[in-house]
PDB file of N, CA and C in Angstrom:
ATOM      1  N   MET A   1       0.828  -1.183   0.000  1.00  0.00           N
ATOM      2  CA  MET A   1       0.000   0.000   0.000  1.00  0.00           C
ATOM      3  C   MET A   1       0.876   1.252   0.000  1.00  0.00           C
ATOM      4  N   THR A   2       0.526   2.210  -0.820  1.00  0.00           N
ATOM      5  CA  THR A   2       1.271   3.457  -0.922  1.00  0.00           C
ATOM      6  C   THR A   2       0.885   4.414   0.205  1.00  0.00           C
ATOM      7  N   LYS A   3       1.873   5.062   0.778  1.00  0.00           N
ATOM      8  CA  LYS A   3       1.607   6.036   1.836  1.00  0.00           C
ATOM      9  C   LYS A   3       1.118   7.345   1.213  1.00  0.00           C
ATOM     10  N   PRO A   4       0.224   8.064   1.891  1.00  0.00           N
ATOM     11  CA  PRO A   4      -0.274   9.339   1.358  1.00  0.00           C
ATOM     12  C   PRO A   4       0.747  10.465   1.523  1.00  0.00           C
ATOM     13  N   THR A   5       0.620  11.495   0.681  1.00  0.00           N
ATOM     14  CA  THR A   5       1.471  12.679   0.810  1.00  0.00           C
ATOM     15  C   THR A   5       0.789  13.770   1.617  1.00  0.00           C
ATOM     16  N   THR A   6      -0.531  13.695   1.761  1.00  0.00           N
ATOM     17  CA  THR A   6      -1.248  14.726   2.501  1.00  0.00           C
ATOM     18  C   THR A   6      -1.919  14.125   3.732  1.00  0.00           C
ATOM     19  N   GLY A   7      -2.111  14.986   4.710  1.00  0.00           N
ATOM     20  CA  GLY A   7      -2.764  14.567   5.939  1.00  0.00           C
ATOM     21  C   GLY A   7      -3.675  15.677   6.429  1.00  0.00           C
ATOM     22  N   LYS A   8      -3.914  15.702   7.711  1.00  0.00           N
ATOM     23  CA  LYS A   8      -4.770  16.717   8.309  1.00  0.00           C
ATOM     24  C   LYS A   8      -4.059  18.074   8.268  1.00  0.00           C
ATOM     25  N   TYR A   9      -4.792  19.122   7.932  1.00  0.00           N
ATOM     26  CA  TYR A   9      -4.260  20.478   7.919  1.00  0.00           C
ATOM     27  C   TYR A   9      -3.761  20.844   9.313  1.00  0.00           C
ATOM     28  N   SER A  10      -2.535  21.363   9.377  1.00  0.00           N
ATOM     29  CA  SER A  10      -1.991  21.811  10.663  1.00  0.00           C
ATOM     30  C   SER A  10      -0.921  22.869  10.421  1.00  0.00           C
ATOM     31  N   HIS A  11      -0.610  23.635  11.457  1.00  0.00           N
ATOM     32  CA  HIS A  11       0.436  24.654  11.353  1.00  0.00           C
ATOM     33  C   HIS A  11       1.794  24.006  11.621  1.00  0.00           C
ATOM     34  N   LYS A  12       2.756  24.357  10.758  1.00  0.00           N
ATOM     35  CA  LYS A  12       4.100  23.801  10.846  1.00  0.00           C
ATOM     36  C   LYS A  12       5.124  24.917  10.669  1.00  0.00           C
ATOM     37  N   LEU A  13       6.360  24.629  11.054  1.00  0.00           N
ATOM     38  CA  LEU A  13       7.464  25.570  10.899  1.00  0.00           C
ATOM     39  C   LEU A  13       8.115  25.356   9.535  1.00  0.00           C
ATOM     40  N   TYR A  14       8.289  26.437   8.794  1.00  0.00           N
ATOM     41  CA  TYR A  14       8.938  26.406   7.474  1.00  0.00           C
ATOM     42  C   TYR A  14      10.118  27.356   7.468  1.00  0.00           C
ATOM     43  N   LYS A  15      11.089  27.089   6.563  1.00  0.00           N
ATOM     44  CA  LYS A  15      12.285  27.926   6.447  1.00  0.00           C
ATOM     45  C   LYS A  15      12.514  28.273   4.983  1.00  0.00           C
ATOM     46  N   CYS A  16      12.714  29.570   4.698  1.00  0.00           N
ATOM     47  CA  CYS A  16      12.947  30.048   3.341  1.00  0.00           C
ATOM     48  C   CYS A  16      14.356  29.665   2.876  1.00  0.00           C
ATOM     49  N   ASP A  17      14.449  29.053   1.694  1.00  0.00           N
ATOM     50  CA  ASP A  17      15.761  28.714   1.120  1.00  0.00           C
ATOM     51  C   ASP A  17      16.567  29.971   0.792  1.00  0.00           C
ATOM     52  N   GLY A  18      15.883  31.063   0.470  1.00  0.00           N
ATOM     53  CA  GLY A  18      16.564  32.286   0.044  1.00  0.00           C
ATOM     54  C   GLY A  18      17.239  33.040   1.171  1.00  0.00           C
ATOM     55  N   CYS A  19      16.487  33.323   2.246  1.00  0.00           N
ATOM     56  CA  CYS A  19      17.036  34.169   3.315  1.00  0.00           C
ATOM     57  C   CYS A  19      17.171  33.465   4.656  1.00  0.00           C
ATOM     58  N   GLY A  20      16.637  32.244   4.782  1.00  0.00           N
ATOM     59  CA  GLY A  20      16.757  31.496   6.025  1.00  0.00           C
ATOM     60  C   GLY A  20      15.713  31.828   7.076  1.00  0.00           C
ATOM     61  N   HIS A  21      14.785  32.720   6.737  1.00  0.00           N
ATOM     62  CA  HIS A  21      13.740  33.110   7.694  1.00  0.00           C
ATOM     63  C   HIS A  21      12.845  31.916   8.010  1.00  0.00           C
ATOM     64  N   GLU A  22      12.564  31.712   9.299  1.00  0.00           N
ATOM     65  CA  GLU A  22      11.664  30.649   9.737  1.00  0.00           C
ATOM     66  C   GLU A  22      10.326  31.263  10.128  1.00  0.00           C
ATOM     67  N   PHE A  23       9.242  30.622   9.703  1.00  0.00           N
ATOM     68  CA  PHE A  23       7.910  31.135   9.991  1.00  0.00           C
ATOM     69  C   PHE A  23       6.916  29.978  10.012  1.00  0.00           C
ATOM     70  N   GLY A  24       5.817  30.190  10.682  1.00  0.00           N
ATOM     71  CA  GLY A  24       4.780  29.172  10.753  1.00  0.00           C
ATOM     72  C   GLY A  24       3.702  29.417   9.713  1.00  0.00           C
ATOM     73  N   THR A  25       3.205  28.353   9.140  1.00  0.00           N
ATOM     74  CA  THR A  25       2.088  28.440   8.207  1.00  0.00           C
ATOM     75  C   THR A  25       1.345  27.111   8.204  1.00  0.00           C
ATOM     76  N   GLY A  26       0.122  27.132   7.765  1.00  0.00           N
ATOM     77  CA  GLY A  26      -0.679  25.922   7.741  1.00  0.00           C
ATOM     78  C   GLY A  26      -0.649  25.223   6.398  1.00  0.00           C
ATOM     79  N   THR A  27      -0.429  23.909   6.425  1.00  0.00           N
ATOM     80  CA  THR A  27      -0.452  23.085   5.218  1.00  0.00           C
ATOM     81  C   THR A  27      -1.012  21.707   5.580  1.00  0.00           C
ATOM     82  N   ASN A  28      -1.260  20.906   4.548  1.00  0.00           N
ATOM     83  CA  ASN A  28      -1.731  19.539   4.780  1.00  0.00           C
ATOM     84  C   ASN A  28      -0.664  18.514   4.390  1.00  0.00           C
ATOM     85  N   HIS A  29       0.611  18.958   4.325  1.00  0.00           N
ATOM     86  CA  HIS A  29       1.719  18.070   3.950  1.00  0.00           C
ATOM     87  C   HIS A  29       3.006  18.544   4.630  1.00  0.00           C
ATOM     88  N   TRP A  30       4.086  17.809   4.433  1.00  0.00           N
ATOM     89  CA  TRP A  30       5.376  18.141   5.050  1.00  0.00           C
ATOM     90  C   TRP A  30       6.423  18.463   3.997  1.00  0.00           C
ATOM     91  N   GLY A  31       5.995  18.706   2.776  1.00  0.00           N
ATOM     92  CA  GLY A  31       6.914  19.028   1.686  1.00  0.00           C
ATOM     93  C   GLY A  31       7.162  20.523   1.577  1.00  0.00           C
ATOM     94  N   ALA A  32       7.884  20.897   0.533  1.00  0.00           N
ATOM     95  CA  ALA A  32       8.195  22.300   0.275  1.00  0.00           C
ATOM     96  C   ALA A  32       6.930  23.049  -0.125  1.00  0.00           C
ATOM     97  N   ILE A  33       6.928  24.357   0.181  1.00  0.00           N
ATOM     98  CA  ILE A  33       5.867  25.231  -0.301  1.00  0.00           C
ATOM     99  C   ILE A  33       6.509  26.309  -1.164  1.00  0.00           C
ATOM    100  N   TYR A  34       5.760  26.798  -2.097  1.00  0.00           N
ATOM    101  CA  TYR A  34       6.254  27.768  -3.078  1.00  0.00           C
ATOM    102  C   TYR A  34       5.421  29.026  -2.900  1.00  0.00           C
ATOM    103  N   THR A  35       5.947  29.944  -2.094  1.00  0.00           N
ATOM    104  CA  THR A  35       5.164  31.083  -1.648  1.00  0.00           C
ATOM    105  C   THR A  35       6.066  32.297  -1.483  1.00  0.00           C
ATOM    106  N   CYS A  36       5.470  33.415  -1.232  1.00  0.00           N
ATOM    107  CA  CYS A  36       6.214  34.634  -0.949  1.00  0.00           C
ATOM    108  C   CYS A  36       6.687  34.591   0.502  1.00  0.00           C
ATOM    109  N   CYS A  37       7.991  34.618   0.701  1.00  0.00           N
ATOM    110  CA  CYS A  37       8.544  34.617   2.061  1.00  0.00           C
ATOM    111  C   CYS A  37       8.119  35.905   2.772  1.00  0.00           C
ATOM    112  N   PRO A  38       7.637  35.799   4.019  1.00  0.00           N
ATOM    113  CA  PRO A  38       7.214  37.002   4.741  1.00  0.00           C
ATOM    114  C   PRO A  38       8.344  37.997   5.009  1.00  0.00           C
ATOM    115  N   ARG A  39       9.594  37.540   4.996  1.00  0.00           N
ATOM    116  CA  ARG A  39      10.699  38.464   5.260  1.00  0.00           C
ATOM    117  C   ARG A  39      11.300  39.016   3.972  1.00  0.00           C
ATOM    118  N   CYS A  40      11.784  38.151   3.085  1.00  0.00           N
ATOM    119  CA  CYS A  40      12.495  38.647   1.903  1.00  0.00           C
ATOM    120  C   CYS A  40      11.558  38.989   0.742  1.00  0.00           C
ATOM    121  N   ARG A  41      10.321  38.548   0.812  1.00  0.00           N
ATOM    122  CA  ARG A  41       9.306  38.843  -0.212  1.00  0.00           C
ATOM    123  C   ARG A  41       9.711  38.407  -1.612  1.00  0.00           C
ATOM    124  N   ASN A  42      10.574  37.392  -1.685  1.00  0.00           N
ATOM    125  CA  ASN A  42      11.038  36.897  -2.983  1.00  0.00           C
ATOM    126  C   ASN A  42       9.978  35.959  -3.555  1.00  0.00           C
ATOM    127  N   GLN A  43       8.904  36.528  -4.089  1.00  0.00           N
ATOM    128  CA  GLN A  43       7.782  35.717  -4.535  1.00  0.00           C
ATOM    129  C   GLN A  43       8.044  34.969  -5.830  1.00  0.00           C
ATOM    130  N   ASN A  44       9.062  35.344  -6.591  1.00  0.00           N
ATOM    131  CA  ASN A  44       9.329  34.650  -7.843  1.00  0.00           C
ATOM    132  C   ASN A  44      10.134  33.372  -7.650  1.00  0.00           C
ATOM    133  N   GLU A  45      10.915  33.285  -6.582  1.00  0.00           N
ATOM    134  CA  GLU A  45      11.791  32.132  -6.399  1.00  0.00           C
ATOM    135  C   GLU A  45      11.725  31.524  -5.008  1.00  0.00           C
ATOM    136  N   SER A  46      10.776  31.927  -4.190  1.00  0.00           N
ATOM    137  CA  SER A  46      10.741  31.439  -2.811  1.00  0.00           C
ATOM    138  C   SER A  46      10.340  29.977  -2.737  1.00  0.00           C
ATOM    139  N   VAL A  47      11.246  29.182  -2.197  1.00  0.00           N
ATOM    140  CA  VAL A  47      10.940  27.800  -1.844  1.00  0.00           C
ATOM    141  C   VAL A  47      11.176  27.723  -0.350  1.00  0.00           C
ATOM    142  N   CYS A  48      10.167  27.302   0.373  1.00  0.00           N
ATOM    143  CA  CYS A  48      10.272  27.195   1.822  1.00  0.00           C
ATOM    144  C   CYS A  48      10.068  25.737   2.206  1.00  0.00           C
ATOM    145  N   ARG A  49      10.954  25.230   3.043  1.00  0.00           N
ATOM    146  CA  ARG A  49      10.939  23.811   3.402  1.00  0.00           C
ATOM    147  C   ARG A  49      10.416  23.612   4.818  1.00  0.00           C
ATOM    148  N   CYS A  50       9.656  22.553   4.980  1.00  0.00           N
ATOM    149  CA  CYS A  50       9.098  22.217   6.289  1.00  0.00           C
ATOM    150  C   CYS A  50      10.227  21.765   7.209  1.00  0.00           C
ATOM    151  N   MET A  51      10.260  22.333   8.398  1.00  0.00           N
ATOM    152  CA  MET A  51      11.300  22.002   9.365  1.00  0.00           C
ATOM    153  C   MET A  51      10.869  20.858  10.289  1.00  0.00           C
ATOM    154  N   GLU A  52       9.630  20.422  10.167  1.00  0.00           N
ATOM    155  CA  GLU A  52       9.133  19.342  11.015  1.00  0.00           C
ATOM    156  C   GLU A  52       9.253  18.009  10.277  1.00  0.00           C
ATOM    157  N   PRO A  53       9.611  16.956  10.966  1.00  0.00           N
ATOM    158  CA  PRO A  53       9.793  15.666  10.294  1.00  0.00           C
ATOM    159  C   PRO A  53       8.467  15.107   9.757  1.00  0.00           C
ATOM    160  N   CYS A  54       8.556  14.500   8.592  1.00  0.00           N
ATOM    161  CA  CYS A  54       7.393  13.833   8.001  1.00  0.00           C
ATOM    162  C   CYS A  54       7.126  12.565   8.817  1.00  0.00           C
ATOM    163  N   PRO A  55       5.877  12.356   9.240  1.00  0.00           N
ATOM    164  CA  PRO A  55       5.590  11.145  10.026  1.00  0.00           C
ATOM    165  C   PRO A  55       5.786   9.875   9.203  1.00  0.00           C
ATOM    166  N   ASP A  56       6.054   8.787   9.873  1.00  0.00           N
ATOM    167  CA  ASP A  56       6.271   7.503   9.207  1.00  0.00           C
ATOM    168  C   ASP A  56       5.060   7.038   8.400  1.00  0.00           C
ATOM    169  N   THR A  57       3.911   7.589   8.695  1.00  0.00           N
ATOM    170  CA  THR A  57       2.679   7.184   8.010  1.00  0.00           C
ATOM    171  C   THR A  57       2.480   7.886   6.666  1.00  0.00           C
ATOM    172  N   HIS A  58       3.364   8.865   6.336  1.00  0.00           N
ATOM    173  CA  HIS A  58       3.234   9.657   5.119  1.00  0.00           C
ATOM    174  C   HIS A  58       4.577   9.719   4.373  1.00  0.00           C
ATOM    175  N   VAL A  59       4.524  10.171   3.127  1.00  0.00           N
ATOM    176  CA  VAL A  59       5.729  10.435   2.342  1.00  0.00           C
ATOM    177  C   VAL A  59       5.697  11.881   1.878  1.00  0.00           C
ATOM    178  N   LEU A  60       6.874  12.429   1.583  1.00  0.00           N
ATOM    179  CA  LEU A  60       6.951  13.799   1.088  1.00  0.00           C
ATOM    180  C   LEU A  60       6.460  13.859  -0.357  1.00  0.00           C
ATOM    181  N   PRO A  61       5.731  14.919  -0.722  1.00  0.00           N
ATOM    182  CA  PRO A  61       5.332  15.074  -2.120  1.00  0.00           C
ATOM    183  C   PRO A  61       6.556  15.413  -2.975  1.00  0.00           C
ATOM    184  N   GLU A  62       6.486  15.107  -4.265  1.00  0.00           N
ATOM    185  CA  GLU A  62       7.579  15.469  -5.169  1.00  0.00           C
ATOM    186  C   GLU A  62       7.724  16.973  -5.226  1.00  0.00           C
ATOM    187  N   GLU A  63       8.978  17.441  -5.302  1.00  0.00           N
ATOM    188  CA  GLU A  63       9.202  18.875  -5.433  1.00  0.00           C
ATOM    189  C   GLU A  63       8.873  19.317  -6.851  1.00  0.00           C
ATOM    190  N   TRP A  64       8.390  20.545  -6.968  1.00  0.00           N
ATOM    191  CA  TRP A  64       8.072  21.096  -8.277  1.00  0.00           C
ATOM    192  C   TRP A  64       9.349  21.441  -9.015  1.00  0.00           C
ATOM    193  N   LYS A  65       9.320  21.308 -10.316  1.00  0.00           N
ATOM    194  CA  LYS A  65      10.422  21.784 -11.130  1.00  0.00           C
ATOM    195  C   LYS A  65      10.159  23.259 -11.409  1.00  0.00           C
ATOM    196  N   ILE A  66      11.116  24.121 -11.047  1.00  0.00           N
ATOM    197  CA  ILE A  66      10.964  25.559 -11.251  1.00  0.00           C
ATOM    198  C   ILE A  66      11.397  25.876 -12.687  1.00  0.00           C
ATOM    199  N   VAL A  67      10.501  26.471 -13.448  1.00  0.00           N
ATOM    200  CA  VAL A  67      10.787  26.831 -14.837  1.00  0.00           C
ATOM    201  C   VAL A  67      10.481  28.304 -15.057  1.00  0.00           C
ATOM    202  N   THR A  68      11.041  28.858 -16.119  1.00  0.00           N
ATOM    203  CA  THR A  68      10.740  30.227 -16.528  1.00  0.00           C
ATOM    204  C   THR A  68      10.051  30.179 -17.881  1.00  0.00           C
ATOM    205  N   LEU A  69       9.504  31.300 -18.301  1.00  0.00           N
ATOM    206  CA  LEU A  69       8.789  31.348 -19.570  1.00  0.00           C
ATOM    207  C   LEU A  69       9.674  30.879 -20.726  1.00  0.00           C
ATOM    208  N   GLY A  70      10.945  31.243 -20.716  1.00  0.00           N
ATOM    209  CA  GLY A  70      11.869  30.832 -21.769  1.00  0.00           C
ATOM    210  C   GLY A  70      12.119  29.335 -21.809  1.00  0.00           C
ATOM    211  N   ASP A  71      11.857  28.630 -20.717  1.00  0.00           N
ATOM    212  CA  ASP A  71      11.987  27.174 -20.681  1.00  0.00           C
ATOM    213  C   ASP A  71      10.821  26.502 -21.386  1.00  0.00           C
ATOM    214  N   ILE A  72       9.702  27.208 -21.488  1.00  0.00           N
ATOM    215  CA  ILE A  72       8.481  26.616 -22.031  1.00  0.00           C
ATOM    216  C   ILE A  72       8.286  26.987 -23.499  1.00  0.00           C
ATOM    217  N   VAL A  73       8.566  28.236 -23.851  1.00  0.00           N
ATOM    218  CA  VAL A  73       8.380  28.713 -25.226  1.00  0.00           C
ATOM    219  C   VAL A  73       9.580  29.533 -25.633  1.00  0.00           C
ATOM    220  N   ASP A  74       9.775  29.683 -26.937  1.00  0.00           N
ATOM    221  CA  ASP A  74      10.801  30.587 -27.437  1.00  0.00           C
ATOM    222  C   ASP A  74      10.258  32.003 -27.416  1.00  0.00           C
ATOM    223  N   ILE A  75      11.023  32.910 -26.846  1.00  0.00           N
ATOM    224  CA  ILE A  75      10.622  34.311 -26.803  1.00  0.00           C
ATOM    225  C   ILE A  75      11.276  34.997 -27.993  1.00  0.00           C
ATOM    226  N   ILE A  76      10.444  35.538 -28.859  1.00  0.00           N
ATOM    227  CA  ILE A  76      10.962  36.205 -30.048  1.00  0.00           C
ATOM    228  C   ILE A  76      10.528  37.660 -30.053  1.00  0.00           C
ATOM    229  N   GLU A  77      11.291  38.476 -30.755  1.00  0.00           N
ATOM    230  CA  GLU A  77      10.979  39.896 -30.833  1.00  0.00           C
ATOM    231  C   GLU A  77      10.174  40.148 -32.089  1.00  0.00           C
ATOM    232  N   MET A  78       9.073  40.861 -31.970  1.00  0.00           N
ATOM    233  CA  MET A  78       8.239  41.200 -33.131  1.00  0.00           C
ATOM    234  C   MET A  78       8.616  42.601 -33.609  1.00  0.00           C
ATOM    235  N   LYS A  79       8.667  42.750 -34.922  1.00  0.00           N
ATOM    236  CA  LYS A  79       8.986  44.084 -35.487  1.00  0.00           C
ATOM    237  C   LYS A  79       7.795  44.622 -36.234  1.00  0.00           C
TER     238      LYS A  79
END
């Protein structure tokens, strides 16, 4: 049987990869969140990781691949 990635919604401690700021927020998982850090406000690249251990009854969700518009389409100049 596969373990779930989500559980009951609860507040957990998260840490911003960019500036190291730790803050509490509510989620239903123990994986990374992709949000605007309350301190550095780096909303384009903020990845915040859960500082609390994932329980043995669950698994971490896969991390998102961060892409930019140029990764998806060719940007060309119109004249």
